[in-house]
Amino acid sequence: MSEAKATKGAAADGADGGSTAGTAEEAPGSARPRRRQARGEARIAQLLEAAASVFCTSGYTASSTNAIAREAGVSPGTLYQFFPNKEAIAVELGDRLLNRWRDTYGAAFSQSHIELPLDRMLDAILDPLIAFNCENPAFSVLMHGSEIPGRITEEHDTLHATMLTRVESVLAGYLPDMPATQVHRIADMTFMLFKAGLDLIMAHEGEERAAYVQELKTIMYRYLDPLMCDDAPHRTSHAP
C-alpha cells in the first residue's frame, strides 16, 4: 500500500474512532497523530485478517468487499476508506504474506541447517515451511488462483525461482560429485515433491495432517539418500 493511501486510511479511521482535536498540552504532530496512525494500522490489519478468512472460505473470485466488511464487523464505507476494491485488498494481503514467506524460507535455509545430516536437515527446513502454509491458508489461495491479480502471481513466480535455486544450492552440498545438470533435475523433482505433498498436508488436519507430514519427509529421504555416496559427510545411517 502506498504511503499516501495508508495515511489517508489512518486519518479516516481516526475520524471514525474518536476525536482528532488536540489539547493545549499537545504539540502539533505529537502523540495523538501517532495514536491515530496506530488505529489506522490496526484497522488495516483487521480488514486483511477478515479478507484472508473470506478468501479461504469462498475463494478469491467469489469473494466481495461486502463479505470482507461483514467478516471484519465494519461497514463497507469504512472498508473503502482504506481499500478502493477487492484487488487492492488482495495485493496488500499478498505482499504481506510474501514478505513473511521470504523471512520463513530464509531462516529455514540457514547455513546451520544445511550442515545437518539429511534426516535432520529435512526436519529443519520442511517444518517451518509447512507450518507457515498451515497457519496462513490464504497464502495458497492468493498464490495459485486463476483470477488473482497479476502482480501477486508475478512476485510468486519470482519467489518460486529463488526457492528452487536455494534447494539446488543445498543439494549441491549433499551431492558434491554429481554433475550440475543432474543436481538441477534432482532439485526440481524435490521441489515438486514438496509442493505435491504440501497440497495433501493442507487438505487434512490433526493427526492425519501430522501423518502426511511424516510421509512427505519419508518420501524425500528415500529419494535423496540413495543418491549420496557412502562417505558423504551429510549421510545418515538410518531412514525415517
C-alpha atoms as a PDB file:
ATOM      1  CA  MET A   1       0.000   0.000   0.000  1.00  0.00           C
ATOM      2  CA  SER A   2       1.312   3.444  -0.848  1.00  0.00           C
ATOM      3  CA  GLU A   3       2.231   5.865   1.926  1.00  0.00           C
ATOM      4  CA  ALA A   4      -0.491   8.248   0.758  1.00  0.00           C
ATOM      5  CA  LYS A   5      -3.137   5.565   0.931  1.00  0.00           C
ATOM      6  CA  ALA A   6      -2.052   4.383   4.370  1.00  0.00           C
ATOM      7  CA  THR A   7      -2.041   7.945   5.665  1.00  0.00           C
ATOM      8  CA  LYS A   8      -5.483   8.602   4.246  1.00  0.00           C
ATOM      9  CA  GLY A   9      -6.789   5.386   5.790  1.00  0.00           C
ATOM     10  CA  ALA A  10      -5.292   6.122   9.159  1.00  0.00           C
ATOM     11  CA  ALA A  11      -6.805   9.600   9.204  1.00  0.00           C
ATOM     12  CA  ALA A  12     -10.190   8.236   8.233  1.00  0.00           C
ATOM     13  CA  ASP A  13     -10.049   5.660  10.972  1.00  0.00           C
ATOM     14  CA  GLY A  14      -9.156   8.334  13.476  1.00  0.00           C
ATOM     15  CA  ALA A  15     -12.293  10.207  12.476  1.00  0.00           C
ATOM     16  CA  ASP A  16     -14.308   7.017  12.816  1.00  0.00           C
ATOM     17  CA  GLY A  17     -12.830   6.027  16.167  1.00  0.00           C
ATOM     18  CA  GLY A  18     -12.701   9.233  18.183  1.00  0.00           C
ATOM     19  CA  SER A  19     -11.976  12.948  18.250  1.00  0.00           C
ATOM     20  CA  THR A  20      -8.922  14.212  16.401  1.00  0.00           C
ATOM     21  CA  ALA A  21      -8.762  17.578  18.144  1.00  0.00           C
ATOM     22  CA  GLY A  22      -5.573  18.408  20.039  1.00  0.00           C
ATOM     23  CA  THR A  23      -5.251  19.764  23.584  1.00  0.00           C
ATOM     24  CA  ALA A  24      -3.286  22.663  24.984  1.00  0.00           C
ATOM     25  CA  GLU A  25      -0.580  20.298  26.281  1.00  0.00           C
ATOM     26  CA  GLU A  26      -0.007  18.589  22.907  1.00  0.00           C
ATOM     27  CA  ALA A  27       2.492  19.934  20.406  1.00  0.00           C
ATOM     28  CA  PRO A  28       1.418  19.726  16.764  1.00  0.00           C
ATOM     29  CA  GLY A  29       2.158  16.309  15.271  1.00  0.00           C
ATOM     30  CA  SER A  30       2.899  14.649  18.627  1.00  0.00           C
ATOM     31  CA  ALA A  31       1.212  11.751  20.445  1.00  0.00           C
ATOM     32  CA  ARG A  32      -2.357  11.981  19.137  1.00  0.00           C
ATOM     33  CA  PRO A  33      -1.462  11.752  15.423  1.00  0.00           C
ATOM     34  CA  ARG A  34       0.683   8.720  16.227  1.00  0.00           C
ATOM     35  CA  ARG A  35      -2.267   7.152  18.040  1.00  0.00           C
ATOM     36  CA  ARG A  36      -4.467   7.828  15.011  1.00  0.00           C
ATOM     37  CA  GLN A  37      -1.861   6.163  12.797  1.00  0.00           C
ATOM     38  CA  ALA A  38      -1.777   3.143  15.119  1.00  0.00           C
ATOM     39  CA  ARG A  39      -5.573   2.874  14.986  1.00  0.00           C
ATOM     40  CA  GLY A  40      -5.419   3.045  11.197  1.00  0.00           C
ATOM     41  CA  GLU A  41      -2.835   0.253  11.025  1.00  0.00           C
ATOM     42  CA  ALA A  42      -4.922  -1.836  13.408  1.00  0.00           C
ATOM     43  CA  ARG A  43      -7.974  -1.328  11.159  1.00  0.00           C
ATOM     44  CA  ILE A  44      -5.969  -2.359   8.099  1.00  0.00           C
ATOM     45  CA  ALA A  45      -4.781  -5.498   9.896  1.00  0.00           C
ATOM     46  CA  GLN A  46      -8.371  -6.259  10.900  1.00  0.00           C
ATOM     47  CA  LEU A  47      -9.576  -5.943   7.305  1.00  0.00           C
ATOM     48  CA  LEU A  48      -6.737  -8.071   5.953  1.00  0.00           C
ATOM     49  CA  GLU A  49      -7.423 -10.796   8.507  1.00  0.00           C
ATOM     50  CA  ALA A  50     -11.082 -10.759   7.506  1.00  0.00           C
ATOM     51  CA  ALA A  51     -10.133 -10.875   3.815  1.00  0.00           C
ATOM     52  CA  ALA A  52      -7.887 -13.895   4.423  1.00  0.00           C
ATOM     53  CA  SER A  53     -10.798 -15.721   6.068  1.00  0.00           C
ATOM     54  CA  VAL A  54     -13.241 -14.849   3.275  1.00  0.00           C
ATOM     55  CA  PHE A  55     -10.769 -15.770   0.511  1.00  0.00           C
ATOM     56  CA  CYS A  56     -10.197 -19.161   2.150  1.00  0.00           C
ATOM     57  CA  THR A  57     -13.910 -19.818   2.605  1.00  0.00           C
ATOM     58  CA  SER A  58     -15.250 -18.540  -0.711  1.00  0.00           C
ATOM     59  CA  GLY A  59     -12.214 -18.329  -2.973  1.00  0.00           C
ATOM     60  CA  TYR A  60     -10.897 -15.086  -4.379  1.00  0.00           C
ATOM     61  CA  THR A  61     -13.273 -14.829  -7.348  1.00  0.00           C
ATOM     62  CA  ALA A  62     -16.464 -15.366  -5.347  1.00  0.00           C
ATOM     63  CA  SER A  63     -15.420 -13.044  -2.520  1.00  0.00           C
ATOM     64  CA  SER A  64     -16.688  -9.474  -2.273  1.00  0.00           C
ATOM     65  CA  THR A  65     -15.818  -6.336  -0.373  1.00  0.00           C
ATOM     66  CA  ASN A  66     -19.208  -6.531   1.363  1.00  0.00           C
ATOM     67  CA  ALA A  67     -18.392 -10.027   2.620  1.00  0.00           C
ATOM     68  CA  ILE A  68     -14.985  -8.863   3.837  1.00  0.00           C
ATOM     69  CA  ALA A  69     -16.506  -5.864   5.635  1.00  0.00           C
ATOM     70  CA  ARG A  70     -19.111  -8.124   7.229  1.00  0.00           C
ATOM     71  CA  GLU A  71     -16.414 -10.577   8.388  1.00  0.00           C
ATOM     72  CA  ALA A  72     -14.431  -7.666   9.858  1.00  0.00           C
ATOM     73  CA  GLY A  73     -17.505  -6.272  11.614  1.00  0.00           C
ATOM     74  CA  VAL A  74     -17.321  -2.890   9.883  1.00  0.00           C
ATOM     75  CA  SER A  75     -19.418  -1.062   7.327  1.00  0.00           C
ATOM     76  CA  PRO A  76     -18.493  -1.181   3.614  1.00  0.00           C
ATOM     77  CA  GLY A  77     -17.890   2.566   3.870  1.00  0.00           C
ATOM     78  CA  THR A  78     -15.200   2.005   6.493  1.00  0.00           C
ATOM     79  CA  LEU A  79     -13.527  -0.588   4.275  1.00  0.00           C
ATOM     80  CA  TYR A  80     -13.472   1.833   1.329  1.00  0.00           C
ATOM     81  CA  GLN A  81     -11.667   4.386   3.466  1.00  0.00           C
ATOM     82  CA  PHE A  82      -8.679   2.045   3.321  1.00  0.00           C
ATOM     83  CA  PHE A  83      -9.060  -0.011   0.138  1.00  0.00           C
ATOM     84  CA  PRO A  84     -10.757   1.041  -3.118  1.00  0.00           C
ATOM     85  CA  ASN A  85     -11.641  -2.515  -4.189  1.00  0.00           C
ATOM     86  CA  LYS A  86     -11.091  -6.233  -3.630  1.00  0.00           C
ATOM     87  CA  GLU A  87      -7.988  -6.316  -5.810  1.00  0.00           C
ATOM     88  CA  ALA A  88      -6.256  -3.707  -3.635  1.00  0.00           C
ATOM     89  CA  ILE A  89      -7.009  -5.822  -0.564  1.00  0.00           C
ATOM     90  CA  ALA A  90      -5.631  -8.940  -2.242  1.00  0.00           C
ATOM     91  CA  VAL A  91      -2.458  -7.147  -3.337  1.00  0.00           C
ATOM     92  CA  GLU A  92      -1.794  -5.772   0.156  1.00  0.00           C
ATOM     93  CA  LEU A  93      -2.501  -9.140   1.790  1.00  0.00           C
ATOM     94  CA  GLY A  94      -0.385 -10.912  -0.822  1.00  0.00           C
ATOM     95  CA  ASP A  95       2.521  -8.507  -0.270  1.00  0.00           C
ATOM     96  CA  ARG A  96       2.477  -9.065   3.477  1.00  0.00           C
ATOM     97  CA  LEU A  97       2.260 -12.844   3.145  1.00  0.00           C
ATOM     98  CA  LEU A  98       5.038 -12.936   0.562  1.00  0.00           C
ATOM     99  CA  ASN A  99       7.297 -10.905   2.840  1.00  0.00           C
ATOM    100  CA  ARG A 100       6.624 -13.278   5.730  1.00  0.00           C
ATOM    101  CA  TRP A 101       7.209 -16.258   3.431  1.00  0.00           C
ATOM    102  CA  ARG A 102      10.591 -14.823   2.395  1.00  0.00           C
ATOM    103  CA  ASP A 103      11.545 -14.494   6.072  1.00  0.00           C
ATOM    104  CA  THR A 104      10.375 -18.052   6.733  1.00  0.00           C
ATOM    105  CA  TYR A 105      12.268 -19.782   3.971  1.00  0.00           C
ATOM    106  CA  GLY A 106      15.285 -17.543   4.531  1.00  0.00           C
ATOM    107  CA  ALA A 107      15.507 -18.824   8.102  1.00  0.00           C
ATOM    108  CA  ALA A 108      14.740 -22.407   7.024  1.00  0.00           C
ATOM    109  CA  PHE A 109      17.628 -22.450   4.546  1.00  0.00           C
ATOM    110  CA  SER A 110      20.169 -21.119   7.033  1.00  0.00           C
ATOM    111  CA  GLN A 111      23.738 -22.378   6.788  1.00  0.00           C
ATOM    112  CA  SER A 112      23.480 -24.204  10.102  1.00  0.00           C
ATOM    113  CA  HIS A 113      20.625 -26.336   8.740  1.00  0.00           C
ATOM    114  CA  ILE A 114      22.482 -27.132   5.551  1.00  0.00           C
ATOM    115  CA  GLU A 115      25.298 -28.690   7.584  1.00  0.00           C
ATOM    116  CA  LEU A 116      22.977 -31.187   9.323  1.00  0.00           C
ATOM    117  CA  PRO A 117      22.618 -34.879   8.470  1.00  0.00           C
ATOM    118  CA  LEU A 118      19.970 -35.490   5.805  1.00  0.00           C
ATOM    119  CA  ASP A 119      17.105 -36.557   8.067  1.00  0.00           C
ATOM    120  CA  ARG A 120      17.628 -33.645  10.471  1.00  0.00           C
ATOM    121  CA  MET A 121      18.052 -31.222   7.586  1.00  0.00           C
ATOM    122  CA  LEU A 122      14.654 -32.265   6.223  1.00  0.00           C
ATOM    123  CA  ASP A 123      13.091 -31.594   9.624  1.00  0.00           C
ATOM    124  CA  ALA A 124      14.782 -28.207   9.977  1.00  0.00           C
ATOM    125  CA  ILE A 125      13.833 -26.993   6.505  1.00  0.00           C
ATOM    126  CA  LEU A 126      10.429 -28.570   5.957  1.00  0.00           C
ATOM    127  CA  ASP A 127       8.870 -27.958   9.383  1.00  0.00           C
ATOM    128  CA  PRO A 128       8.821 -24.118   9.223  1.00  0.00           C
ATOM    129  CA  LEU A 129       7.748 -24.120   5.566  1.00  0.00           C
ATOM    130  CA  ILE A 130       4.844 -26.464   6.277  1.00  0.00           C
ATOM    131  CA  ALA A 131       3.888 -24.590   9.457  1.00  0.00           C
ATOM    132  CA  PHE A 132       3.738 -21.271   7.584  1.00  0.00           C
ATOM    133  CA  ASN A 133       1.372 -22.669   4.966  1.00  0.00           C
ATOM    134  CA  CYS A 134      -0.856 -24.342   7.561  1.00  0.00           C
ATOM    135  CA  GLU A 135      -1.045 -21.139   9.607  1.00  0.00           C
ATOM    136  CA  ASN A 136      -1.680 -18.957   6.532  1.00  0.00           C
ATOM    137  CA  PRO A 137      -4.036 -20.866   4.196  1.00  0.00           C
ATOM    138  CA  ALA A 138      -4.832 -17.636   2.336  1.00  0.00           C
ATOM    139  CA  PHE A 139      -1.256 -17.740   1.016  1.00  0.00           C
ATOM    140  CA  SER A 140      -2.088 -20.748  -1.145  1.00  0.00           C
ATOM    141  CA  VAL A 141      -5.372 -19.196  -2.299  1.00  0.00           C
ATOM    142  CA  LEU A 142      -3.667 -15.986  -3.399  1.00  0.00           C
ATOM    143  CA  MET A 143      -0.649 -17.625  -4.991  1.00  0.00           C
ATOM    144  CA  HIS A 144      -2.446 -20.214  -7.104  1.00  0.00           C
ATOM    145  CA  GLY A 145      -5.894 -18.923  -8.039  1.00  0.00           C
ATOM    146  CA  SER A 146      -6.608 -18.314 -11.726  1.00  0.00           C
ATOM    147  CA  GLU A 147      -8.177 -14.866 -11.165  1.00  0.00           C
ATOM    148  CA  ILE A 148      -5.556 -13.482  -8.783  1.00  0.00           C
ATOM    149  CA  PRO A 149      -4.142 -10.028  -9.659  1.00  0.00           C
ATOM    150  CA  GLY A 150      -1.135 -10.331 -11.957  1.00  0.00           C
ATOM    151  CA  ARG A 151       1.267  -8.547  -9.619  1.00  0.00           C
ATOM    152  CA  ILE A 152       0.847 -11.264  -6.993  1.00  0.00           C
ATOM    153  CA  THR A 153       1.417 -14.120  -9.427  1.00  0.00           C
ATOM    154  CA  GLU A 154       4.462 -12.399 -10.920  1.00  0.00           C
ATOM    155  CA  GLU A 155       6.047 -11.945  -7.499  1.00  0.00           C
ATOM    156  CA  HIS A 156       5.199 -15.544  -6.618  1.00  0.00           C
ATOM    157  CA  ASP A 157       6.864 -16.803  -9.816  1.00  0.00           C
ATOM    158  CA  THR A 158       9.998 -14.843  -8.939  1.00  0.00           C
ATOM    159  CA  LEU A 159       9.940 -16.268  -5.420  1.00  0.00           C
ATOM    160  CA  HIS A 160       9.440 -19.784  -6.809  1.00  0.00           C
ATOM    161  CA  ALA A 161      12.599 -19.418  -8.919  1.00  0.00           C
ATOM    162  CA  THR A 162      14.552 -18.130  -5.913  1.00  0.00           C
ATOM    163  CA  MET A 163      13.451 -21.050  -3.747  1.00  0.00           C
ATOM    164  CA  LEU A 164      14.370 -23.555  -6.442  1.00  0.00           C
ATOM    165  CA  THR A 165      17.854 -22.016  -6.538  1.00  0.00           C
ATOM    166  CA  ARG A 166      18.071 -22.393  -2.745  1.00  0.00           C
ATOM    167  CA  VAL A 167      17.062 -26.063  -2.953  1.00  0.00           C
ATOM    168  CA  GLU A 168      19.641 -26.655  -5.678  1.00  0.00           C
ATOM    169  CA  SER A 169      22.340 -24.997  -3.572  1.00  0.00           C
ATOM    170  CA  VAL A 170      21.504 -27.198  -0.575  1.00  0.00           C
ATOM    171  CA  LEU A 171      21.546 -30.395  -2.622  1.00  0.00           C
ATOM    172  CA  ALA A 172      24.853 -29.474  -4.244  1.00  0.00           C
ATOM    173  CA  GLY A 173      26.385 -29.638  -0.759  1.00  0.00           C
ATOM    174  CA  TYR A 174      24.956 -33.121  -0.217  1.00  0.00           C
ATOM    175  CA  LEU A 175      25.870 -34.350  -3.716  1.00  0.00           C
ATOM    176  CA  PRO A 176      29.330 -32.830  -4.271  1.00  0.00           C
ATOM    177  CA  ASP A 177      30.419 -35.255  -7.011  1.00  0.00           C
ATOM    178  CA  MET A 178      27.255 -35.043  -9.084  1.00  0.00           C
ATOM    179  CA  PRO A 179      27.153 -33.019 -12.351  1.00  0.00           C
ATOM    180  CA  ALA A 180      25.405 -29.671 -12.020  1.00  0.00           C
ATOM    181  CA  THR A 181      22.752 -30.563 -14.597  1.00  0.00           C
ATOM    182  CA  GLN A 182      21.754 -33.644 -12.629  1.00  0.00           C
ATOM    183  CA  VAL A 183      21.680 -31.705  -9.354  1.00  0.00           C
ATOM    184  CA  HIS A 184      19.336 -29.239 -11.043  1.00  0.00           C
ATOM    185  CA  ARG A 185      16.966 -32.046 -12.098  1.00  0.00           C
ATOM    186  CA  ILE A 186      17.009 -33.541  -8.601  1.00  0.00           C
ATOM    187  CA  ALA A 187      16.324 -30.127  -7.066  1.00  0.00           C
ATOM    188  CA  ASP A 188      13.420 -29.597  -9.463  1.00  0.00           C
ATOM    189  CA  MET A 189      11.957 -33.006  -8.592  1.00  0.00           C
ATOM    190  CA  THR A 190      12.469 -32.440  -4.859  1.00  0.00           C
ATOM    191  CA  PHE A 191      10.697 -29.092  -5.036  1.00  0.00           C
ATOM    192  CA  MET A 192       7.768 -30.617  -6.932  1.00  0.00           C
ATOM    193  CA  LEU A 193       7.529 -33.404  -4.349  1.00  0.00           C
ATOM    194  CA  PHE A 194       7.309 -30.763  -1.646  1.00  0.00           C
ATOM    195  CA  LYS A 195       4.529 -28.876  -3.443  1.00  0.00           C
ATOM    196  CA  ALA A 196       2.517 -32.041  -4.093  1.00  0.00           C
ATOM    197  CA  GLY A 197       2.948 -33.242  -0.531  1.00  0.00           C
ATOM    198  CA  LEU A 198       2.002 -29.833   0.819  1.00  0.00           C
ATOM    199  CA  ASP A 199      -1.322 -29.986  -1.013  1.00  0.00           C
ATOM    200  CA  LEU A 200      -2.135 -33.250   0.764  1.00  0.00           C
ATOM    201  CA  ILE A 201      -0.963 -31.900   4.119  1.00  0.00           C
ATOM    202  CA  MET A 202      -3.149 -28.808   3.752  1.00  0.00           C
ATOM    203  CA  ALA A 203      -6.174 -30.975   2.947  1.00  0.00           C
ATOM    204  CA  HIS A 204      -6.023 -32.705   6.357  1.00  0.00           C
ATOM    205  CA  GLU A 205      -5.970 -31.696   9.998  1.00  0.00           C
ATOM    206  CA  GLY A 206      -4.826 -33.020  13.342  1.00  0.00           C
ATOM    207  CA  GLU A 207      -3.244 -36.457  13.457  1.00  0.00           C
ATOM    208  CA  GLU A 208      -3.869 -37.077   9.757  1.00  0.00           C
ATOM    209  CA  ARG A 209      -2.014 -33.897   8.855  1.00  0.00           C
ATOM    210  CA  ALA A 210       0.930 -34.955  11.029  1.00  0.00           C
ATOM    211  CA  ALA A 211       0.906 -38.360   9.348  1.00  0.00           C
ATOM    212  CA  TYR A 212       1.081 -36.778   5.896  1.00  0.00           C
ATOM    213  CA  VAL A 213       3.965 -34.566   7.039  1.00  0.00           C
ATOM    214  CA  GLN A 214       5.873 -37.682   8.029  1.00  0.00           C
ATOM    215  CA  GLU A 215       5.002 -39.358   4.722  1.00  0.00           C
ATOM    216  CA  LEU A 216       6.434 -36.409   2.810  1.00  0.00           C
ATOM    217  CA  LYS A 217       9.664 -36.496   4.803  1.00  0.00           C
ATOM    218  CA  THR A 218       9.964 -40.245   4.279  1.00  0.00           C
ATOM    219  CA  ILE A 219       9.494 -39.909   0.524  1.00  0.00           C
ATOM    220  CA  MET A 220      12.091 -37.149   0.291  1.00  0.00           C
ATOM    221  CA  TYR A 221      14.573 -39.040   2.434  1.00  0.00           C
ATOM    222  CA  ARG A 222      14.221 -42.256   0.453  1.00  0.00           C
ATOM    223  CA  TYR A 223      14.567 -40.345  -2.800  1.00  0.00           C
ATOM    224  CA  LEU A 224      17.671 -38.390  -1.791  1.00  0.00           C
ATOM    225  CA  ASP A 225      19.575 -40.798   0.451  1.00  0.00           C
ATOM    226  CA  PRO A 226      20.473 -43.395  -2.232  1.00  0.00           C
ATOM    227  CA  LEU A 227      21.923 -40.620  -4.399  1.00  0.00           C
ATOM    228  CA  MET A 228      24.623 -39.873  -1.845  1.00  0.00           C
ATOM    229  CA  CYS A 229      27.976 -41.611  -1.904  1.00  0.00           C
ATOM    230  CA  ASP A 230      28.761 -43.806   1.080  1.00  0.00           C
ATOM    231  CA  ASP A 231      31.281 -41.363   2.534  1.00  0.00           C
ATOM    232  CA  ALA A 232      29.183 -38.218   2.028  1.00  0.00           C
ATOM    233  CA  PRO A 233      29.556 -36.006   5.144  1.00  0.00           C
ATOM    234  CA  HIS A 234      25.801 -35.430   5.406  1.00  0.00           C
ATOM    235  CA  ARG A 235      24.744 -39.053   5.033  1.00  0.00           C
ATOM    236  CA  THR A 236      22.768 -40.596   7.878  1.00  0.00           C
ATOM    237  CA  SER A 237      22.778 -44.224   8.928  1.00  0.00           C
ATOM    238  CA  HIS A 238      19.042 -44.722   9.313  1.00  0.00           C
ATOM    239  CA  ALA A 239      15.892 -43.978   7.344  1.00  0.00           C
ATOM    240  CA  PRO A 240      12.874 -42.164   8.854  1.00  0.00           C
END
